[in-house]
C-alpha cells in the first residue's frame, strides 16, 4: 500500500509500505476524506507551533515516519480482537488525544484528564495513507446524514465544542471571537447554541467576515478597516465583551496574527470577563499579568475533547444545528494531492480558503 511519510521538515514522500498489523482493540480502515489541520500544515514546513519539538525529535531519530492526518472520515475494513462497537462498513471519525490507560488518572477513571497518552497523527500514524490502523477507543460512528467531507471536520469541531464548554457561558453573554477560520466559525456556532446573546467576530479577510455573518454573527469586524477594540467597546456600551475567544494567533508567515490578537482580546474583554485561548503560538511571549490581575481577567484554555464531546459533535452536525458545508472551500481528488492540501492549508489567506483543504480518497 501507499502512505505519505515525512523524511524531514518539508520533505514528504508517497512511499510503498506494508499494510498495518491489525492489533487487539484496533480496526483497519480505508480513509475516505482527510485534511491537514492548520497546526499540521505549519509543522510540515518546520514552523514552530504545538508539538514542534516532539515532531522534530521524531524526525531526527526515526525518519521516515507517517505523521499527521487526524482529521478524517474513514470506512472500517476489518475489526481486531476485542472490538465491540464497530463492524465492517461503518464510517468513522476520531478524536486525536487519547488516554494512556496506565497513569493514576486513567486508573481512577479520570482518563479524560490524562495528558500522557498518544495523539493520532503525532505519536500514532494518521490517515494520509491507503489503509490505517486506529484504536477503537478513539472512534465514533458517523451519522448517515453527514457526507464524508463534513465528517472529516468532526475532530476539529469537537475541539471547539470543548473550548466553548470551558468558557462556561452565561445566558445572554456577549461573545467576541478573534479569527474566523474553521475553529473560529465553529466556536461562533456553538456559542450561539450555548446561550450567547450577541456575537461579535473579527477577521482581516472579507470572505471570512461574510461567512461569519452567514453562520450567525451579529457583527463581523474587518480588522484592516476598523479599530476592533474600540468597535467592540462601542458595541458593548464601553464595557467590553463578557467572553472573548482568541482563535487568530500563530505564525505571521502563514497569515496568522502572531500575538497581536491576544493583546487586542485582553483590551476587548470586560473587567472580570474571560479570555479563551484557542490559538497555538510556538514560543513563549509576554503578557501584562498585573493588568490582568487588576481587571480580574481569567485567561483559560480549552479542555481536551473527549469521546462524549465527539458524540455530541456528531449530533450537532447531523441535525444541522452546526453547519459545516458552507466552510468547505477546497477539495482535491486522490492521495497524490496531499502535498497540495498542506500548501493551501498553510496559506489559507492566499488561497481564500476557510476550512483546511480536503483530499477525497474514495466516494
Protein backbone atom coordinates (compact mmCIF):
# COMPACT_ATOMS: atom_id res chain seq x y z
CA UNK A 1 0.00 0.00 0.00
CA UNK A 2 0.99 3.66 -0.33
CA UNK A 3 1.35 6.12 2.54
CA UNK A 4 2.78 9.60 2.92
CA UNK A 5 5.84 9.68 5.15
CA UNK A 6 7.99 12.57 6.30
CA UNK A 7 11.73 12.22 5.79
CA UNK A 8 12.36 15.71 7.24
CA UNK A 9 10.51 19.00 7.65
CA UNK A 10 9.34 19.99 4.18
CA UNK A 11 10.19 16.58 2.73
CA UNK A 12 7.14 14.30 2.43
CA UNK A 13 7.11 11.34 0.05
CA UNK A 14 4.46 8.87 -1.10
CA UNK A 15 6.19 5.63 -0.11
CA UNK A 16 5.32 1.97 -0.60
CA UNK A 17 4.85 0.47 2.89
CA UNK A 18 3.43 -2.67 4.50
CA UNK A 19 -0.27 -2.81 5.41
CA UNK A 20 -0.55 -2.08 9.17
CA UNK A 21 -0.90 -5.04 11.53
CA UNK A 22 -4.41 -5.49 12.93
CA UNK A 23 -3.90 -5.37 16.69
CA UNK A 24 -6.38 -6.17 19.50
CA UNK A 25 -8.71 -3.26 20.20
CA UNK A 26 -7.98 -1.72 16.78
CA UNK A 27 -9.68 -1.51 13.39
CA UNK A 28 -8.23 -1.31 9.89
CA UNK A 29 -9.83 1.46 7.83
CA UNK A 30 -9.72 2.92 4.35
CA UNK A 31 -9.65 6.73 4.57
CA UNK A 32 -12.42 8.38 2.52
CA UNK A 33 -11.64 12.06 3.10
CA UNK A 34 -8.76 13.59 5.07
CA UNK A 35 -7.49 17.08 5.71
CA UNK A 36 -4.38 18.52 7.36
CA UNK A 37 -5.10 20.71 10.37
CA UNK A 38 -3.62 24.21 10.42
CA UNK A 39 -1.18 23.03 13.09
CA UNK A 40 -0.09 20.08 10.94
CA UNK A 41 0.30 22.31 7.90
CA UNK A 42 2.68 24.56 9.86
CA UNK A 43 4.66 21.66 11.29
CA UNK A 44 5.03 20.05 7.87
CA UNK A 45 7.12 23.04 6.80
CA UNK A 46 9.07 23.23 10.07
CA UNK A 47 7.24 26.23 11.53
CA UNK A 48 7.25 26.15 15.36
CA UNK A 49 3.83 25.59 16.92
CA UNK A 50 2.17 22.93 19.07
CA UNK A 51 4.33 19.77 19.38
CA UNK A 52 7.16 21.22 17.27
CA UNK A 53 9.95 19.83 19.48
CA UNK A 54 8.27 16.41 19.67
CA UNK A 55 7.94 16.16 15.89
CA UNK A 56 11.48 17.49 15.37
CA UNK A 57 12.88 14.86 17.73
CA UNK A 58 10.99 12.06 15.97
CA UNK A 59 12.18 13.22 12.56
CA UNK A 60 15.81 13.34 13.77
CA UNK A 61 15.70 9.85 15.31
CA UNK A 62 13.02 7.83 13.46
CA UNK A 63 12.50 9.25 9.94
CA UNK A 64 10.95 8.34 7.63
CA UNK A 65 7.74 8.36 9.69
CA UNK A 66 4.00 8.58 8.99
CA UNK A 67 2.85 11.88 10.51
CA UNK A 68 -0.40 13.83 10.76
CA UNK A 69 -3.84 13.01 9.34
CA UNK A 70 -6.01 13.02 12.47
CA UNK A 71 -8.92 14.87 10.80
CA UNK A 72 -10.66 12.35 8.56
CA UNK A 73 -13.64 10.22 7.66
CA UNK A 74 -12.85 6.55 7.04
CA UNK A 75 -14.62 3.21 6.45
CA UNK A 76 -13.93 0.16 8.58
CA UNK A 77 -12.37 -2.73 6.62
CA UNK A 78 -11.68 -5.17 9.45
CA UNK A 79 -12.02 -5.28 13.23
CA UNK A 80 -9.42 -6.70 15.60
CA UNK A 81 -9.94 -8.95 18.63
CA UNK A 82 -11.92 -7.24 21.38
CA UNK A 83 -13.55 -4.59 19.19
CA UNK A 84 -17.25 -4.42 20.05
CA UNK A 85 -18.60 -1.04 18.88
CA UNK A 86 -17.84 -1.23 15.15
CA UNK A 87 -18.19 -3.59 12.23
CA UNK A 88 -17.02 -3.76 8.64
CA UNK A 89 -18.50 -0.99 6.51
CA UNK A 90 -19.09 1.54 9.32
CA UNK A 91 -17.96 5.07 8.60
CA UNK A 92 -15.95 6.54 11.47
CA UNK A 93 -14.21 9.69 12.65
CA UNK A 94 -11.86 10.07 15.62
CA UNK A 95 -10.69 12.25 18.46
CA UNK A 96 -6.96 12.83 18.41
CA UNK A 97 -5.73 12.86 22.03
CA UNK A 98 -6.07 9.56 23.85
CA UNK A 99 -5.63 8.45 27.47
CA UNK A 100 -2.60 6.30 28.26
CA UNK A 101 -4.62 3.78 30.29
CA UNK A 102 -1.82 3.37 32.84
CA UNK A 103 -1.38 6.59 34.85
CA UNK A 104 -3.09 7.43 38.14
CA UNK A 105 -5.73 9.47 36.34
CA UNK A 106 -6.62 6.62 33.99
CA UNK A 107 -6.64 4.04 36.81
CA UNK A 108 -9.04 6.21 38.81
CA UNK A 109 -11.50 6.55 35.92
CA UNK A 110 -10.36 10.11 35.13
CA UNK A 111 -8.82 9.25 31.78
CA UNK A 112 -10.35 12.37 30.25
CA UNK A 113 -7.78 14.37 32.25
CA UNK A 114 -4.80 12.23 31.18
CA UNK A 115 -2.07 14.07 29.26
CA UNK A 116 0.29 11.09 28.90
CA UNK A 117 -1.44 9.18 26.10
CA UNK A 118 -0.65 9.14 22.39
CA UNK A 119 -2.01 11.59 19.83
CA UNK A 120 -3.21 10.28 16.46
CA UNK A 121 -1.08 11.77 13.70
CA UNK A 122 1.73 12.73 16.07
CA UNK A 123 2.52 9.55 18.03
CA UNK A 124 0.34 7.14 16.01
CA UNK A 125 0.02 7.13 12.19
CA UNK A 126 -2.97 9.05 10.86
CA UNK A 127 -4.89 8.76 7.61
CA UNK A 128 -2.64 10.13 4.85
CA UNK A 129 -2.49 6.55 3.56
CA UNK A 130 -4.49 3.94 1.65
CA UNK A 131 -5.07 1.95 4.86
CA UNK A 132 -4.72 2.93 8.53
CA UNK A 133 -4.92 1.17 11.89
CA UNK A 134 -6.83 3.03 14.60
CA UNK A 135 -7.68 2.27 18.25
CA UNK A 136 -11.38 1.67 18.91
CA UNK A 137 -11.42 3.96 21.96
CA UNK A 138 -10.72 6.97 19.68
CA UNK A 139 -13.60 6.37 17.30
CA UNK A 140 -17.17 7.44 16.76
CA UNK A 141 -19.64 6.23 14.14
CA UNK A 142 -20.56 8.87 11.54
CA UNK A 143 -24.26 9.64 11.14
CA UNK A 144 -25.68 8.85 7.67
CA UNK A 145 -26.90 12.46 7.38
CA UNK A 146 -23.29 13.66 7.13
CA UNK A 147 -21.25 13.24 3.96
CA UNK A 148 -17.58 12.27 4.02
CA UNK A 149 -16.34 15.86 3.70
CA UNK A 150 -18.43 17.08 6.62
CA UNK A 151 -17.38 14.08 8.71
CA UNK A 152 -13.69 14.89 8.17
CA UNK A 153 -14.30 18.11 10.15
CA UNK A 154 -15.78 16.42 13.23
CA UNK A 155 -12.49 16.19 15.15
CA UNK A 156 -11.82 19.91 14.86
CA UNK A 157 -15.44 20.69 15.67
CA UNK A 158 -15.30 18.58 18.83
CA UNK A 159 -12.27 20.63 20.00
CA UNK A 160 -14.38 23.75 19.51
CA UNK A 161 -17.23 22.17 21.50
CA UNK A 162 -14.74 21.61 24.34
CA UNK A 163 -13.48 25.19 24.03
CA UNK A 164 -16.96 26.68 24.36
CA UNK A 165 -17.77 24.36 27.26
CA UNK A 166 -14.60 25.58 29.01
CA UNK A 167 -15.86 29.17 28.66
CA UNK A 168 -18.94 28.33 30.82
CA UNK A 169 -21.09 30.94 29.07
CA UNK A 170 -23.91 32.58 30.98
CA UNK A 171 -27.23 33.00 29.18
CA UNK A 172 -27.13 36.19 27.12
CA UNK A 173 -23.36 36.74 27.35
CA UNK A 174 -21.83 38.98 24.72
CA UNK A 175 -19.12 36.97 22.98
CA UNK A 176 -16.32 38.26 20.77
CA UNK A 177 -14.31 35.86 18.59
CA UNK A 178 -10.98 36.89 17.07
CA UNK A 179 -10.27 34.82 13.95
CA UNK A 180 -12.89 33.35 11.62
CA UNK A 181 -11.06 30.34 10.27
CA UNK A 182 -12.56 26.91 10.81
CA UNK A 183 -12.27 26.89 14.63
CA UNK A 184 -13.42 30.50 14.96
CA UNK A 185 -16.52 29.76 12.90
CA UNK A 186 -17.13 26.58 14.88
CA UNK A 187 -16.86 28.47 18.19
CA UNK A 188 -19.28 31.07 16.80
CA UNK A 189 -21.95 28.50 16.02
CA UNK A 190 -21.53 26.54 19.26
CA UNK A 191 -21.53 29.72 21.37
CA UNK A 192 -24.81 30.68 19.70
CA UNK A 193 -26.25 27.26 20.62
CA UNK A 194 -24.90 27.59 24.16
CA UNK A 195 -26.77 30.76 25.11
CA UNK A 196 -24.62 33.60 23.80
CA UNK A 197 -26.65 36.79 23.36
CA UNK A 198 -24.72 38.98 20.97
CA UNK A 199 -21.77 37.66 18.96
CA UNK A 200 -19.09 39.94 17.51
CA UNK A 201 -16.47 38.43 15.21
CA UNK A 202 -13.14 39.75 13.95
CA UNK A 203 -11.04 38.80 10.94
CA UNK A 204 -8.87 40.51 8.33
CA UNK A 205 -10.40 38.72 5.31
CA UNK A 206 -13.62 39.83 3.67
CA UNK A 207 -14.60 36.26 2.75
CA UNK A 208 -14.21 35.16 6.40
CA UNK A 209 -16.32 38.12 7.61
CA UNK A 210 -19.07 37.27 5.09
CA UNK A 211 -19.04 33.62 6.17
CA UNK A 212 -19.21 34.71 9.79
CA UNK A 213 -22.39 36.70 9.19
CA UNK A 214 -23.90 33.83 7.18
CA UNK A 215 -23.31 31.48 10.12
CA UNK A 216 -24.82 33.74 12.77
CA UNK A 217 -22.55 36.61 13.81
CA UNK A 218 -24.39 39.81 14.78
CA UNK A 219 -21.42 41.99 13.86
CA UNK A 220 -18.39 40.98 11.76
CA UNK A 221 -15.49 43.44 12.05
CA UNK A 222 -12.71 43.61 9.48
CA UNK A 223 -9.58 44.46 11.49
CA UNK A 224 -8.00 46.04 8.41
CA UNK A 225 -10.79 48.60 8.28
CA UNK A 226 -11.67 49.45 11.89
CA UNK A 227 -10.09 49.66 15.34
CA UNK A 228 -11.63 46.43 16.60
CA UNK A 229 -11.05 47.11 20.30
CA UNK A 230 -12.76 50.48 20.03
CA UNK A 231 -15.56 48.99 17.93
CA UNK A 232 -16.22 46.18 20.44
CA UNK A 233 -16.32 48.69 23.30
CA UNK A 234 -18.77 50.87 21.38
CA UNK A 235 -20.98 47.84 20.75
CA UNK A 236 -20.92 46.93 24.46
CA UNK A 237 -21.66 50.34 25.98
CA UNK A 238 -17.97 50.81 26.75
CA UNK A 239 -17.68 47.66 28.85
CA UNK A 240 -16.14 45.06 26.54
CA UNK A 241 -17.34 41.54 25.77
CA UNK A 242 -18.16 39.10 28.55
CA UNK A 243 -16.14 36.35 26.88
CA UNK A 244 -13.52 36.61 24.14
CA UNK A 245 -12.22 33.65 22.13
CA UNK A 246 -8.76 34.19 20.62
CA UNK A 247 -8.56 31.98 17.50
CA UNK A 248 -6.35 34.14 15.24
CA UNK A 249 -2.86 33.90 16.73
CA UNK A 250 0.07 31.99 15.29
CA UNK A 251 2.82 32.34 12.71
CA UNK A 252 2.57 35.55 10.63
CA UNK A 253 4.38 33.63 7.84
CA UNK A 254 1.10 31.75 7.30
CA UNK A 255 -1.04 34.87 7.51
CA UNK A 256 -1.87 34.41 11.20
CA UNK A 257 -1.84 37.26 13.68
CA UNK A 258 1.24 36.48 15.75
CA UNK A 259 0.45 37.60 19.31
CA UNK A 260 -1.26 40.88 18.37
CA UNK A 261 -4.77 39.47 18.75
CA UNK A 262 -4.03 38.31 22.30
CA UNK A 263 -3.31 41.90 23.32
CA UNK A 264 -6.40 43.08 21.45
CA UNK A 265 -8.52 40.36 23.07
CA UNK A 266 -7.35 41.44 26.54
CA UNK A 267 -8.40 45.00 25.76
CA UNK A 268 -11.73 43.90 24.27
CA UNK A 269 -12.92 41.77 27.21
CA UNK A 270 -14.75 43.42 30.10
CA UNK A 271 -13.24 43.58 33.57
CA UNK A 272 -13.97 40.26 35.29
CA UNK A 273 -14.53 38.61 31.90
CA UNK A 274 -12.96 35.55 30.35
CA UNK A 275 -10.44 35.16 27.57
CA UNK A 276 -10.36 31.69 26.00
CA UNK A 277 -7.01 30.93 24.35
CA UNK A 278 -7.61 28.65 21.35
CA UNK A 279 -4.53 29.52 19.24
CA UNK A 280 -1.07 27.97 19.40
CA UNK A 281 1.99 30.25 19.19
CA UNK A 282 5.08 28.03 19.07
CA UNK A 283 7.06 30.17 21.52
CA UNK A 284 6.61 32.00 24.85
CA UNK A 285 5.52 35.63 24.83
CA UNK A 286 4.97 38.38 27.38
CA UNK A 287 1.54 39.29 28.74
CA UNK A 288 0.57 42.09 31.13
CA UNK A 289 -0.07 39.92 34.19
CA UNK A 290 -0.51 42.91 36.52
CA UNK A 291 -3.06 44.40 34.13
CA UNK A 292 -4.94 41.11 34.03
CA UNK A 293 -4.81 40.86 37.82
CA UNK A 294 -6.01 44.43 38.26
CA UNK A 295 -9.00 43.80 35.97
CA UNK A 296 -9.69 40.29 37.35
CA UNK A 297 -9.41 38.76 33.88
CA UNK A 298 -9.43 35.00 33.55
CA UNK A 299 -7.31 33.55 30.76
CA UNK A 300 -8.45 29.95 30.31
CA UNK A 301 -7.52 27.20 27.87
CA UNK A 302 -9.83 24.58 26.38
CA UNK A 303 -10.04 21.14 27.91
CA UNK A 304 -9.22 18.32 25.50
CA UNK A 305 -12.22 16.90 23.70
CA UNK A 306 -13.47 13.56 24.95
CA UNK A 307 -15.43 10.81 23.25
CA UNK A 308 -18.57 12.38 24.76
CA UNK A 309 -17.68 15.69 23.09
CA UNK A 310 -17.18 13.92 19.78
CA UNK A 311 -20.50 12.05 20.03
CA UNK A 312 -22.28 15.33 20.84
CA UNK A 313 -20.50 16.93 17.88
CA UNK A 314 -21.90 14.29 15.54
CA UNK A 315 -25.42 15.09 16.76
CA UNK A 316 -24.91 18.85 16.36
CA UNK A 317 -23.70 18.48 12.78
CA UNK A 318 -26.13 15.73 11.73
CA UNK A 319 -29.15 17.74 12.87
CA UNK A 320 -27.94 20.91 11.15
CA UNK A 321 -27.54 22.83 14.39
CA UNK A 322 -23.92 23.42 13.35
CA UNK A 323 -23.34 23.95 9.62
CA UNK A 324 -20.09 22.66 8.18
CA UNK A 325 -20.75 22.57 4.44
CA UNK A 326 -20.54 26.35 3.78
CA UNK A 327 -16.96 26.38 5.10
CA UNK A 328 -15.70 23.63 2.75
CA UNK A 329 -13.99 25.71 0.07
CA UNK A 330 -11.22 23.47 -1.34
CA UNK A 331 -11.39 19.78 -2.35
CA UNK A 332 -8.70 17.78 -4.14
CA UNK A 333 -9.02 14.28 -5.63
CA UNK A 334 -6.55 11.49 -4.90
CA UNK A 335 -3.84 10.57 -2.42
CA UNK A 336 -1.16 12.20 -4.58
CA UNK A 337 -2.76 15.61 -3.89
CA UNK A 338 -1.88 15.59 -0.18
CA UNK A 339 1.14 17.98 -0.50
CA UNK A 340 -1.09 20.48 -2.32
CA UNK A 341 -3.58 20.29 0.54
CA UNK A 342 -0.77 21.10 3.01
CA UNK A 343 0.29 24.11 0.92
CA UNK A 344 -3.24 25.51 0.70
CA UNK A 345 -3.94 24.94 4.39
CA UNK A 346 -0.66 26.57 5.42
CA UNK A 347 -1.57 29.64 3.35
CA UNK A 348 -5.35 29.89 3.64
CA UNK A 349 -5.41 33.65 3.15
CA UNK A 350 -3.54 33.42 -0.13
CA UNK A 351 -5.91 30.73 -1.45
CA UNK A 352 -9.08 32.25 0.06
CA UNK A 353 -9.73 29.02 1.96
CA UNK A 354 -11.91 28.85 5.08
CA UNK A 355 -11.66 25.20 6.17
CA UNK A 356 -8.39 23.30 5.55
CA UNK A 357 -8.11 21.89 2.02
CA UNK A 358 -9.57 18.38 1.88
CA UNK A 359 -8.32 15.35 -0.03
CA UNK A 360 -11.03 12.99 -1.26
CA UNK A 361 -9.74 9.42 -1.48
CA UNK A 362 -12.96 7.44 -2.04
CA UNK A 363 -16.56 8.30 -2.92
